[in-house]
Amino acid sequence: MLVLASSSPRRRELLALAGFAFTVSPALIAEELRAGESPIGYVTRLAREKAEAVWSRHSAQDREDDARMVLGADTTVVAADGQILEKPLDEAHAARMLRLLSGTTHQVITGVALVSSAGVEVAAEVTYVTMLTLSDAEIAEYLAAGESMDKAGAYAIQGRAARWVPRIHGCYFNVMGLPLALVSSMIEGARVRAEMGQRTAASI
């Protein structure tokens, strides 16, 4: 059984789009950047903490489910000047983020962690996103539409902000919050390792 350790509706939609059967069990952990932490270090740490928290919670409830896998993920945006942009605190904060991204190429980084009976696998995906130069009027209109407040970097590429993105380099789904090809490879690898372990145990 695959468990998604996230309350993100976008991650749920993407996993379903890829054909995975899963349940949702959000992790309740503090998401705070540590001093001196790199963007990749930050998102992979949070992804692992989320997955391990949910793994521990479910293991306490059902110790017999050896097929369980828990998927954790965390996404952040890194501006061209190196600033890490998380979810905005308010509209003024969102506007500052969008002005920072305007007319530049930024990075979207998602950390992914998969916890199973075989252990923990952690990886990260980086996508480069180029954004057009935005006017104050465009930013104000976008904020009024309400897409900014729960998004890292204050925009959603699958929404109205799509008209501002002439090109990306890397995984599109990563910009939405979950790099599907990477996640699929991790899940398939974990399943193969679990099956090999079961066959080995049965032959002993």
N, C-alpha and C. Protein backbone atom coordinates (compact mmCIF):
# COMPACT_ATOMS: atom_id res chain seq x y z
N MET A 1 0.84 -1.19 0.00
CA MET A 1 0.00 0.00 0.00
C MET A 1 0.88 1.25 0.00
N LEU A 2 0.58 2.17 -0.88
CA LEU A 2 1.31 3.43 -0.95
C LEU A 2 0.55 4.48 -0.15
N VAL A 3 1.28 5.20 0.70
CA VAL A 3 0.69 6.26 1.51
C VAL A 3 1.37 7.57 1.14
N LEU A 4 0.59 8.58 0.82
CA LEU A 4 1.13 9.91 0.51
C LEU A 4 1.12 10.75 1.78
N ALA A 5 2.30 11.15 2.22
CA ALA A 5 2.43 11.93 3.45
C ALA A 5 2.31 13.41 3.15
N SER A 6 1.19 13.80 2.57
CA SER A 6 1.01 15.20 2.15
C SER A 6 -0.46 15.53 2.05
N SER A 7 -0.80 16.76 2.37
CA SER A 7 -2.18 17.23 2.21
C SER A 7 -2.36 18.00 0.91
N SER A 8 -1.30 18.08 0.09
CA SER A 8 -1.34 18.86 -1.14
C SER A 8 -2.31 18.26 -2.15
N PRO A 9 -3.33 19.01 -2.57
CA PRO A 9 -4.24 18.47 -3.60
C PRO A 9 -3.54 18.24 -4.93
N ARG A 10 -2.50 19.03 -5.22
CA ARG A 10 -1.79 18.85 -6.48
C ARG A 10 -1.03 17.53 -6.49
N ARG A 11 -0.41 17.18 -5.38
CA ARG A 11 0.31 15.91 -5.32
C ARG A 11 -0.66 14.74 -5.43
N ARG A 12 -1.81 14.87 -4.80
CA ARG A 12 -2.82 13.81 -4.93
C ARG A 12 -3.25 13.66 -6.39
N GLU A 13 -3.49 14.78 -7.06
CA GLU A 13 -3.91 14.73 -8.46
C GLU A 13 -2.85 14.10 -9.34
N LEU A 14 -1.59 14.43 -9.10
CA LEU A 14 -0.51 13.91 -9.93
C LEU A 14 -0.31 12.42 -9.72
N LEU A 15 -0.35 11.96 -8.47
CA LEU A 15 -0.21 10.52 -8.23
C LEU A 15 -1.35 9.75 -8.88
N ALA A 16 -2.56 10.29 -8.80
CA ALA A 16 -3.70 9.64 -9.44
C ALA A 16 -3.55 9.65 -10.95
N LEU A 17 -3.06 10.77 -11.49
CA LEU A 17 -2.83 10.87 -12.93
C LEU A 17 -1.88 9.79 -13.41
N ALA A 18 -0.88 9.49 -12.60
CA ALA A 18 0.11 8.47 -12.98
C ALA A 18 -0.39 7.05 -12.75
N GLY A 19 -1.58 6.90 -12.22
CA GLY A 19 -2.19 5.58 -12.09
C GLY A 19 -1.90 4.85 -10.79
N PHE A 20 -1.40 5.56 -9.78
CA PHE A 20 -1.10 4.91 -8.51
C PHE A 20 -2.34 4.86 -7.62
N ALA A 21 -2.50 3.73 -6.94
CA ALA A 21 -3.51 3.61 -5.89
C ALA A 21 -2.82 3.96 -4.58
N PHE A 22 -3.43 4.84 -3.80
CA PHE A 22 -2.76 5.30 -2.59
C PHE A 22 -3.78 5.85 -1.60
N THR A 23 -3.35 5.98 -0.37
CA THR A 23 -4.13 6.68 0.65
C THR A 23 -3.35 7.94 1.05
N VAL A 24 -4.02 8.84 1.72
CA VAL A 24 -3.40 10.10 2.12
C VAL A 24 -3.35 10.18 3.64
N SER A 25 -2.17 10.49 4.15
CA SER A 25 -1.98 10.65 5.60
C SER A 25 -0.99 11.79 5.81
N PRO A 26 -1.47 13.02 5.92
CA PRO A 26 -0.56 14.16 6.02
C PRO A 26 0.35 14.08 7.25
N ALA A 27 1.57 14.55 7.07
CA ALA A 27 2.53 14.62 8.18
C ALA A 27 2.42 16.00 8.83
N LEU A 28 2.47 16.02 10.13
CA LEU A 28 2.37 17.27 10.86
C LEU A 28 3.74 17.59 11.46
N ILE A 29 4.58 18.25 10.68
CA ILE A 29 5.92 18.59 11.14
C ILE A 29 6.18 20.07 10.87
N ALA A 30 7.12 20.63 11.59
CA ALA A 30 7.50 22.03 11.37
C ALA A 30 8.34 22.12 10.11
N GLU A 31 8.00 23.08 9.25
CA GLU A 31 8.73 23.26 7.99
C GLU A 31 9.54 24.54 8.06
N GLU A 32 10.68 24.46 8.70
CA GLU A 32 11.51 25.63 8.91
C GLU A 32 12.90 25.43 8.31
N LEU A 33 13.36 26.43 7.59
CA LEU A 33 14.70 26.41 7.00
C LEU A 33 15.74 26.60 8.10
N ARG A 34 16.73 25.73 8.14
CA ARG A 34 17.79 25.84 9.13
C ARG A 34 18.90 26.75 8.63
N ALA A 35 19.59 27.38 9.53
CA ALA A 35 20.68 28.29 9.16
C ALA A 35 21.73 27.55 8.35
N GLY A 36 22.09 28.12 7.21
CA GLY A 36 23.12 27.54 6.37
C GLY A 36 22.69 26.34 5.54
N GLU A 37 21.41 26.00 5.58
CA GLU A 37 20.92 24.82 4.86
C GLU A 37 20.76 25.14 3.38
N SER A 38 21.23 24.25 2.51
CA SER A 38 21.09 24.44 1.07
C SER A 38 19.66 24.14 0.65
N PRO A 39 19.23 24.65 -0.50
CA PRO A 39 17.87 24.36 -0.96
C PRO A 39 17.59 22.87 -1.11
N ILE A 40 18.53 22.11 -1.70
CA ILE A 40 18.31 20.67 -1.86
C ILE A 40 18.33 19.98 -0.50
N GLY A 41 19.25 20.39 0.37
CA GLY A 41 19.29 19.82 1.70
C GLY A 41 18.01 20.08 2.47
N TYR A 42 17.46 21.26 2.27
CA TYR A 42 16.22 21.66 2.95
C TYR A 42 15.04 20.79 2.52
N VAL A 43 14.80 20.68 1.21
CA VAL A 43 13.61 19.95 0.75
C VAL A 43 13.76 18.45 0.94
N THR A 44 14.96 17.91 0.81
CA THR A 44 15.12 16.47 1.04
C THR A 44 14.97 16.13 2.52
N ARG A 45 15.45 17.01 3.39
CA ARG A 45 15.27 16.77 4.83
C ARG A 45 13.78 16.77 5.19
N LEU A 46 13.05 17.77 4.70
CA LEU A 46 11.63 17.83 5.01
C LEU A 46 10.86 16.65 4.43
N ALA A 47 11.20 16.26 3.20
CA ALA A 47 10.54 15.11 2.59
C ALA A 47 10.77 13.85 3.43
N ARG A 48 12.00 13.67 3.89
CA ARG A 48 12.31 12.50 4.72
C ARG A 48 11.58 12.57 6.06
N GLU A 49 11.58 13.74 6.69
CA GLU A 49 10.91 13.87 7.98
C GLU A 49 9.41 13.58 7.85
N LYS A 50 8.80 14.07 6.79
CA LYS A 50 7.38 13.81 6.56
C LYS A 50 7.12 12.31 6.39
N ALA A 51 7.90 11.68 5.52
CA ALA A 51 7.69 10.26 5.24
C ALA A 51 7.95 9.41 6.48
N GLU A 52 8.99 9.72 7.23
CA GLU A 52 9.32 8.92 8.41
C GLU A 52 8.28 9.11 9.52
N ALA A 53 7.74 10.33 9.65
CA ALA A 53 6.71 10.57 10.66
C ALA A 53 5.46 9.73 10.37
N VAL A 54 5.04 9.71 9.12
CA VAL A 54 3.85 8.94 8.76
C VAL A 54 4.14 7.45 8.82
N TRP A 55 5.34 7.04 8.43
CA TRP A 55 5.72 5.62 8.53
C TRP A 55 5.63 5.15 9.99
N SER A 56 6.16 5.93 10.89
CA SER A 56 6.13 5.56 12.31
C SER A 56 4.69 5.49 12.83
N ARG A 57 3.88 6.44 12.41
CA ARG A 57 2.48 6.46 12.85
C ARG A 57 1.72 5.23 12.36
N HIS A 58 1.91 4.88 11.09
CA HIS A 58 1.20 3.72 10.54
C HIS A 58 1.78 2.41 11.07
N SER A 59 3.08 2.37 11.29
CA SER A 59 3.69 1.14 11.80
C SER A 59 3.18 0.82 13.19
N ALA A 60 2.92 1.85 13.97
CA ALA A 60 2.39 1.63 15.31
C ALA A 60 0.97 1.07 15.25
N GLN A 61 0.26 1.40 14.18
CA GLN A 61 -1.12 0.93 14.03
C GLN A 61 -1.19 -0.46 13.41
N ASP A 62 -0.28 -0.75 12.49
CA ASP A 62 -0.32 -2.02 11.77
C ASP A 62 1.10 -2.50 11.53
N ARG A 63 1.58 -3.35 12.39
CA ARG A 63 2.96 -3.83 12.30
C ARG A 63 3.15 -4.96 11.28
N GLU A 64 2.04 -5.43 10.71
CA GLU A 64 2.12 -6.58 9.82
C GLU A 64 2.19 -6.22 8.34
N ASP A 65 2.04 -4.95 8.02
CA ASP A 65 1.97 -4.54 6.61
C ASP A 65 3.37 -4.28 6.06
N ASP A 66 4.03 -5.34 5.60
CA ASP A 66 5.38 -5.21 5.07
C ASP A 66 5.41 -4.56 3.69
N ALA A 67 4.24 -4.49 3.02
CA ALA A 67 4.19 -3.93 1.67
C ALA A 67 3.98 -2.41 1.68
N ARG A 68 3.83 -1.83 2.84
CA ARG A 68 3.55 -0.40 2.91
C ARG A 68 4.75 0.41 2.44
N MET A 69 4.47 1.49 1.70
CA MET A 69 5.48 2.49 1.33
C MET A 69 4.89 3.86 1.62
N VAL A 70 5.70 4.74 2.18
CA VAL A 70 5.24 6.10 2.47
C VAL A 70 6.06 7.09 1.65
N LEU A 71 5.36 7.93 0.93
CA LEU A 71 5.99 8.92 0.06
C LEU A 71 5.86 10.31 0.67
N GLY A 72 7.00 10.96 0.89
CA GLY A 72 7.02 12.34 1.36
C GLY A 72 7.64 13.23 0.30
N ALA A 73 7.20 14.48 0.25
CA ALA A 73 7.75 15.42 -0.74
C ALA A 73 7.68 16.83 -0.20
N ASP A 74 8.60 17.66 -0.65
CA ASP A 74 8.56 19.08 -0.30
C ASP A 74 9.17 19.86 -1.47
N THR A 75 8.54 20.97 -1.80
CA THR A 75 8.97 21.78 -2.95
C THR A 75 9.30 23.19 -2.52
N THR A 76 10.36 23.74 -3.08
CA THR A 76 10.67 25.14 -2.86
C THR A 76 11.11 25.78 -4.17
N VAL A 77 11.12 27.09 -4.19
CA VAL A 77 11.56 27.87 -5.34
C VAL A 77 12.80 28.65 -4.94
N VAL A 78 13.79 28.65 -5.83
CA VAL A 78 15.03 29.39 -5.57
C VAL A 78 15.16 30.48 -6.63
N ALA A 79 15.12 31.72 -6.20
CA ALA A 79 15.21 32.85 -7.12
C ALA A 79 16.60 32.94 -7.74
N ALA A 80 16.71 33.74 -8.78
CA ALA A 80 17.98 33.86 -9.49
C ALA A 80 19.10 34.37 -8.58
N ASP A 81 18.74 35.12 -7.54
CA ASP A 81 19.77 35.63 -6.62
C ASP A 81 20.06 34.67 -5.46
N GLY A 82 19.45 33.48 -5.50
CA GLY A 82 19.73 32.47 -4.49
C GLY A 82 18.76 32.43 -3.33
N GLN A 83 17.83 33.37 -3.27
CA GLN A 83 16.86 33.37 -2.17
C GLN A 83 15.92 32.17 -2.28
N ILE A 84 15.67 31.52 -1.15
CA ILE A 84 14.71 30.41 -1.09
C ILE A 84 13.33 31.00 -0.82
N LEU A 85 12.40 30.72 -1.73
CA LEU A 85 11.05 31.27 -1.63
C LEU A 85 10.07 30.16 -1.27
N GLU A 86 9.53 30.24 -0.08
CA GLU A 86 8.54 29.27 0.36
C GLU A 86 7.14 29.81 0.08
N LYS A 87 6.14 29.34 0.80
CA LYS A 87 4.79 29.86 0.60
C LYS A 87 4.70 31.27 1.19
N PRO A 88 4.03 32.18 0.51
CA PRO A 88 3.96 33.56 1.00
C PRO A 88 3.13 33.67 2.27
N LEU A 89 3.49 34.63 3.10
CA LEU A 89 2.77 34.85 4.35
C LEU A 89 1.49 35.66 4.14
N ASP A 90 1.51 36.55 3.14
CA ASP A 90 0.35 37.38 2.83
C ASP A 90 0.51 37.89 1.40
N GLU A 91 -0.44 38.70 0.94
CA GLU A 91 -0.40 39.17 -0.44
C GLU A 91 0.80 40.06 -0.72
N ALA A 92 1.19 40.87 0.24
CA ALA A 92 2.36 41.73 0.04
C ALA A 92 3.62 40.90 -0.13
N HIS A 93 3.72 39.84 0.65
CA HIS A 93 4.86 38.91 0.53
C HIS A 93 4.84 38.21 -0.82
N ALA A 94 3.66 37.79 -1.26
CA ALA A 94 3.52 37.15 -2.56
C ALA A 94 3.93 38.09 -3.68
N ALA A 95 3.52 39.36 -3.58
CA ALA A 95 3.88 40.34 -4.61
C ALA A 95 5.39 40.52 -4.68
N ARG A 96 6.06 40.54 -3.54
CA ARG A 96 7.52 40.67 -3.52
C ARG A 96 8.18 39.47 -4.19
N MET A 97 7.64 38.29 -3.95
CA MET A 97 8.18 37.09 -4.59
C MET A 97 8.04 37.17 -6.11
N LEU A 98 6.87 37.54 -6.58
CA LEU A 98 6.64 37.59 -8.02
C LEU A 98 7.51 38.66 -8.68
N ARG A 99 7.73 39.77 -8.01
CA ARG A 99 8.63 40.79 -8.57
C ARG A 99 10.06 40.26 -8.64
N LEU A 100 10.44 39.42 -7.68
CA LEU A 100 11.77 38.84 -7.66
C LEU A 100 11.95 37.84 -8.80
N LEU A 101 10.89 37.11 -9.12
CA LEU A 101 10.96 36.10 -10.19
C LEU A 101 10.78 36.73 -11.58
N SER A 102 10.16 37.87 -11.65
CA SER A 102 9.84 38.53 -12.91
C SER A 102 11.09 38.75 -13.77
N GLY A 103 11.00 38.29 -15.03
CA GLY A 103 12.08 38.52 -15.99
C GLY A 103 13.34 37.71 -15.74
N THR A 104 13.26 36.65 -14.97
CA THR A 104 14.44 35.84 -14.65
C THR A 104 14.15 34.35 -14.86
N THR A 105 15.21 33.56 -14.70
CA THR A 105 15.07 32.11 -14.67
C THR A 105 15.36 31.65 -13.25
N HIS A 106 14.41 30.93 -12.66
CA HIS A 106 14.57 30.44 -11.30
C HIS A 106 14.54 28.92 -11.28
N GLN A 107 14.83 28.35 -10.14
CA GLN A 107 14.81 26.90 -9.96
C GLN A 107 13.62 26.49 -9.10
N VAL A 108 13.00 25.39 -9.48
CA VAL A 108 12.02 24.73 -8.63
C VAL A 108 12.61 23.39 -8.22
N ILE A 109 12.72 23.17 -6.92
CA ILE A 109 13.37 21.96 -6.40
C ILE A 109 12.39 21.20 -5.53
N THR A 110 12.21 19.92 -5.83
CA THR A 110 11.38 19.06 -5.00
C THR A 110 12.24 17.94 -4.43
N GLY A 111 12.18 17.80 -3.12
CA GLY A 111 12.80 16.67 -2.46
C GLY A 111 11.75 15.57 -2.30
N VAL A 112 12.17 14.33 -2.52
CA VAL A 112 11.26 13.18 -2.44
C VAL A 112 11.89 12.13 -1.54
N ALA A 113 11.10 11.54 -0.66
CA ALA A 113 11.58 10.45 0.19
C ALA A 113 10.57 9.31 0.16
N LEU A 114 11.06 8.10 0.04
CA LEU A 114 10.21 6.91 0.05
C LEU A 114 10.70 5.99 1.16
N VAL A 115 9.83 5.74 2.12
CA VAL A 115 10.16 4.87 3.25
C VAL A 115 9.40 3.56 3.10
N SER A 116 10.10 2.45 3.22
CA SER A 116 9.49 1.13 3.15
C SER A 116 10.20 0.22 4.14
N SER A 117 9.81 -1.03 4.17
CA SER A 117 10.45 -1.98 5.08
C SER A 117 11.92 -2.18 4.72
N ALA A 118 12.28 -1.81 3.48
CA ALA A 118 13.67 -1.97 3.03
C ALA A 118 14.54 -0.79 3.44
N GLY A 119 13.93 0.29 3.93
CA GLY A 119 14.73 1.45 4.33
C GLY A 119 14.18 2.74 3.74
N VAL A 120 15.05 3.72 3.59
CA VAL A 120 14.66 5.05 3.12
C VAL A 120 15.47 5.42 1.88
N GLU A 121 14.78 5.90 0.86
CA GLU A 121 15.45 6.42 -0.33
C GLU A 121 15.06 7.88 -0.49
N VAL A 122 16.06 8.73 -0.71
CA VAL A 122 15.84 10.16 -0.83
C VAL A 122 16.45 10.67 -2.13
N ALA A 123 15.74 11.55 -2.82
CA ALA A 123 16.24 12.12 -4.07
C ALA A 123 15.67 13.52 -4.24
N ALA A 124 16.18 14.23 -5.24
CA ALA A 124 15.68 15.58 -5.53
C ALA A 124 15.65 15.80 -7.03
N GLU A 125 14.70 16.63 -7.45
CA GLU A 125 14.56 17.01 -8.86
C GLU A 125 14.65 18.52 -8.96
N VAL A 126 15.38 19.01 -9.98
CA VAL A 126 15.51 20.45 -10.19
C VAL A 126 15.01 20.80 -11.59
N THR A 127 14.13 21.78 -11.66
CA THR A 127 13.62 22.28 -12.94
C THR A 127 13.89 23.79 -13.02
N TYR A 128 14.32 24.24 -14.19
CA TYR A 128 14.59 25.66 -14.40
C TYR A 128 13.41 26.29 -15.13
N VAL A 129 12.88 27.35 -14.57
CA VAL A 129 11.68 28.00 -15.11
C VAL A 129 12.01 29.45 -15.47
N THR A 130 11.74 29.81 -16.72
CA THR A 130 11.94 31.19 -17.17
C THR A 130 10.60 31.92 -17.14
N MET A 131 10.58 33.09 -16.53
CA MET A 131 9.35 33.87 -16.40
C MET A 131 9.50 35.21 -17.12
N LEU A 132 8.44 35.62 -17.80
CA LEU A 132 8.43 36.91 -18.47
C LEU A 132 8.47 38.05 -17.44
N THR A 133 8.78 39.23 -17.91
CA THR A 133 8.74 40.40 -17.04
C THR A 133 7.28 40.79 -16.77
N LEU A 134 6.95 40.95 -15.50
CA LEU A 134 5.58 41.20 -15.09
C LEU A 134 5.39 42.66 -14.69
N SER A 135 4.25 43.21 -15.05
CA SER A 135 3.91 44.57 -14.63
C SER A 135 3.24 44.50 -13.25
N ASP A 136 3.20 45.62 -12.57
CA ASP A 136 2.52 45.67 -11.28
C ASP A 136 1.04 45.33 -11.44
N ALA A 137 0.45 45.73 -12.56
CA ALA A 137 -0.96 45.45 -12.80
C ALA A 137 -1.19 43.94 -12.97
N GLU A 138 -0.28 43.27 -13.66
CA GLU A 138 -0.41 41.82 -13.84
C GLU A 138 -0.29 41.11 -12.50
N ILE A 139 0.65 41.55 -11.68
CA ILE A 139 0.84 40.94 -10.37
C ILE A 139 -0.40 41.15 -9.50
N ALA A 140 -0.94 42.36 -9.51
CA ALA A 140 -2.13 42.67 -8.71
C ALA A 140 -3.32 41.82 -9.16
N GLU A 141 -3.48 41.67 -10.47
CA GLU A 141 -4.58 40.87 -11.00
C GLU A 141 -4.43 39.40 -10.59
N TYR A 142 -3.19 38.92 -10.63
CA TYR A 142 -2.94 37.53 -10.27
C TYR A 142 -3.22 37.29 -8.79
N LEU A 143 -2.79 38.21 -7.95
CA LEU A 143 -3.05 38.08 -6.52
C LEU A 143 -4.55 38.08 -6.24
N ALA A 144 -5.29 38.91 -6.96
CA ALA A 144 -6.74 38.97 -6.77
C ALA A 144 -7.42 37.67 -7.16
N ALA A 145 -6.79 36.90 -8.06
CA ALA A 145 -7.37 35.62 -8.49
C ALA A 145 -7.21 34.54 -7.42
N GLY A 146 -6.32 34.77 -6.45
CA GLY A 146 -6.22 33.85 -5.33
C GLY A 146 -5.37 32.62 -5.52
N GLU A 147 -4.50 32.60 -6.51
CA GLU A 147 -3.68 31.41 -6.75
C GLU A 147 -2.37 31.38 -5.96
N SER A 148 -2.00 32.46 -5.35
CA SER A 148 -0.64 32.58 -4.81
C SER A 148 -0.42 31.97 -3.44
N MET A 149 -1.42 32.01 -2.58
CA MET A 149 -1.15 31.92 -1.16
C MET A 149 -0.64 30.57 -0.65
N ASP A 150 -0.94 29.47 -1.30
CA ASP A 150 -0.45 28.18 -0.80
C ASP A 150 0.60 27.57 -1.73
N LYS A 151 1.29 28.43 -2.50
CA LYS A 151 2.26 27.94 -3.48
C LYS A 151 3.66 28.46 -3.17
N ALA A 152 4.64 27.58 -3.21
CA ALA A 152 6.02 28.03 -3.10
C ALA A 152 6.32 28.97 -4.26
N GLY A 153 6.93 30.11 -3.97
CA GLY A 153 7.20 31.08 -5.02
C GLY A 153 6.02 31.91 -5.42
N ALA A 154 4.85 31.66 -4.81
CA ALA A 154 3.63 32.46 -5.00
C ALA A 154 2.99 32.34 -6.38
N TYR A 155 3.24 31.23 -7.09
CA TYR A 155 2.56 31.04 -8.37
C TYR A 155 2.32 29.57 -8.64
N ALA A 156 1.36 29.31 -9.52
CA ALA A 156 1.04 27.94 -9.94
C ALA A 156 1.18 27.86 -11.45
N ILE A 157 2.12 27.06 -11.91
CA ILE A 157 2.36 26.97 -13.35
C ILE A 157 1.17 26.37 -14.09
N GLN A 158 0.36 25.56 -13.39
CA GLN A 158 -0.79 24.93 -14.02
C GLN A 158 -2.01 25.85 -14.03
N GLY A 159 -1.87 27.05 -13.47
CA GLY A 159 -2.97 28.00 -13.44
C GLY A 159 -2.72 29.20 -14.35
N ARG A 160 -3.15 30.37 -13.91
CA ARG A 160 -3.05 31.57 -14.74
C ARG A 160 -1.61 31.99 -15.00
N ALA A 161 -0.69 31.58 -14.13
CA ALA A 161 0.71 31.94 -14.32
C ALA A 161 1.33 31.24 -15.52
N ALA A 162 0.64 30.26 -16.09
CA ALA A 162 1.17 29.56 -17.27
C ALA A 162 1.47 30.53 -18.41
N ARG A 163 0.73 31.61 -18.50
CA ARG A 163 0.94 32.57 -19.60
C ARG A 163 2.22 33.37 -19.43
N TRP A 164 2.85 33.28 -18.26
CA TRP A 164 4.08 34.01 -18.01
C TRP A 164 5.33 33.15 -18.21
N VAL A 165 5.16 31.88 -18.52
CA VAL A 165 6.30 30.95 -18.57
C VAL A 165 6.55 30.50 -20.01
N PRO A 166 7.48 31.14 -20.72
CA PRO A 166 7.74 30.76 -22.11
C PRO A 166 8.52 29.47 -22.25
N ARG A 167 9.27 29.10 -21.20
CA ARG A 167 10.05 27.85 -21.31
C ARG A 167 10.43 27.33 -19.94
N ILE A 168 10.59 26.01 -19.89
CA ILE A 168 11.15 25.36 -18.71
C ILE A 168 12.19 24.36 -19.19
N HIS A 169 13.13 24.07 -18.32
CA HIS A 169 14.14 23.04 -18.62
C HIS A 169 14.08 22.03 -17.48
N GLY A 170 13.54 20.86 -17.79
CA GLY A 170 13.39 19.83 -16.77
C GLY A 170 11.96 19.33 -16.70
N CYS A 171 11.62 18.72 -15.58
CA CYS A 171 10.32 18.08 -15.39
C CYS A 171 9.23 19.11 -15.10
N TYR A 172 8.21 19.14 -15.94
CA TYR A 172 7.08 20.05 -15.73
C TYR A 172 6.33 19.72 -14.45
N PHE A 173 6.12 18.42 -14.20
CA PHE A 173 5.34 18.02 -13.03
C PHE A 173 6.06 18.38 -11.73
N ASN A 174 7.38 18.48 -11.80
CA ASN A 174 8.14 18.92 -10.64
C ASN A 174 7.73 20.33 -10.23
N VAL A 175 7.45 21.18 -11.21
CA VAL A 175 7.04 22.55 -10.91
C VAL A 175 5.66 22.55 -10.25
N MET A 176 4.86 21.56 -10.52
CA MET A 176 3.56 21.43 -9.88
C MET A 176 3.67 20.85 -8.47
N GLY A 177 4.82 20.24 -8.16
CA GLY A 177 5.01 19.73 -6.81
C GLY A 177 5.39 18.29 -6.66
N LEU A 178 5.45 17.52 -7.76
CA LEU A 178 5.82 16.11 -7.66
C LEU A 178 6.41 15.62 -8.98
N PRO A 179 7.72 15.33 -9.01
CA PRO A 179 8.34 14.83 -10.25
C PRO A 179 7.94 13.38 -10.50
N LEU A 180 6.98 13.18 -11.37
CA LEU A 180 6.36 11.87 -11.52
C LEU A 180 7.32 10.78 -11.99
N ALA A 181 8.20 11.10 -12.94
CA ALA A 181 9.12 10.08 -13.44
C ALA A 181 10.06 9.60 -12.33
N LEU A 182 10.58 10.54 -11.56
CA LEU A 182 11.46 10.20 -10.45
C LEU A 182 10.72 9.37 -9.41
N VAL A 183 9.53 9.81 -9.03
CA VAL A 183 8.74 9.09 -8.03
C VAL A 183 8.39 7.69 -8.51
N SER A 184 7.99 7.57 -9.77
CA SER A 184 7.64 6.26 -10.31
C SER A 184 8.82 5.30 -10.27
N SER A 185 10.00 5.80 -10.63
CA SER A 185 11.20 4.96 -10.59
C SER A 185 11.52 4.51 -9.17
N MET A 186 11.35 5.41 -8.20
CA MET A 186 11.62 5.07 -6.81
C MET A 186 10.64 4.02 -6.29
N ILE A 187 9.37 4.18 -6.62
CA ILE A 187 8.35 3.22 -6.18
C ILE A 187 8.58 1.86 -6.82
N GLU A 188 8.85 1.84 -8.12
CA GLU A 188 9.09 0.56 -8.81
C GLU A 188 10.32 -0.12 -8.25
N GLY A 189 11.39 0.65 -8.00
CA GLY A 189 12.59 0.07 -7.42
C GLY A 189 12.34 -0.54 -6.06
N ALA A 190 11.56 0.16 -5.23
CA ALA A 190 11.25 -0.36 -3.89
C ALA A 190 10.42 -1.64 -3.98
N ARG A 191 9.50 -1.69 -4.93
CA ARG A 191 8.69 -2.91 -5.10
C ARG A 191 9.54 -4.08 -5.55
N VAL A 192 10.45 -3.84 -6.47
CA VAL A 192 11.33 -4.92 -6.94
C VAL A 192 12.20 -5.42 -5.80
N ARG A 193 12.76 -4.51 -5.02
CA ARG A 193 13.60 -4.92 -3.89
C ARG A 193 12.80 -5.71 -2.86
N ALA A 194 11.56 -5.30 -2.63
CA ALA A 194 10.71 -6.02 -1.67
C ALA A 194 10.41 -7.44 -2.16
N GLU A 195 10.12 -7.57 -3.46
CA GLU A 195 9.83 -8.89 -4.02
C GLU A 195 11.07 -9.79 -3.96
N MET A 196 12.24 -9.22 -4.24
CA MET A 196 13.48 -10.01 -4.16
C MET A 196 13.73 -10.44 -2.72
N GLY A 197 13.45 -9.57 -1.76
CA GLY A 197 13.63 -9.92 -0.37
C GLY A 197 12.70 -11.03 0.06
N GLN A 198 11.45 -10.99 -0.43
CA GLN A 198 10.48 -12.03 -0.10
C GLN A 198 10.89 -13.37 -0.69
N ARG A 199 11.41 -13.34 -1.94
CA ARG A 199 11.84 -14.60 -2.54
C ARG A 199 13.04 -15.18 -1.82
N THR A 200 13.94 -14.29 -1.42
CA THR A 200 15.13 -14.75 -0.68
C THR A 200 14.74 -15.36 0.65
N ALA A 201 13.80 -14.70 1.35
CA ALA A 201 13.36 -15.21 2.64
C ALA A 201 12.67 -16.55 2.50
N ALA A 202 11.90 -16.69 1.40
CA ALA A 202 11.16 -17.94 1.19
C ALA A 202 12.09 -19.12 0.87
N SER A 203 13.24 -18.81 0.27
CA SER A 203 14.17 -19.87 -0.15
C SER A 203 15.08 -20.32 0.98
N ILE A 204 15.10 -19.57 2.07
CA ILE A 204 15.99 -19.95 3.18
C ILE A 204 15.36 -21.05 4.02
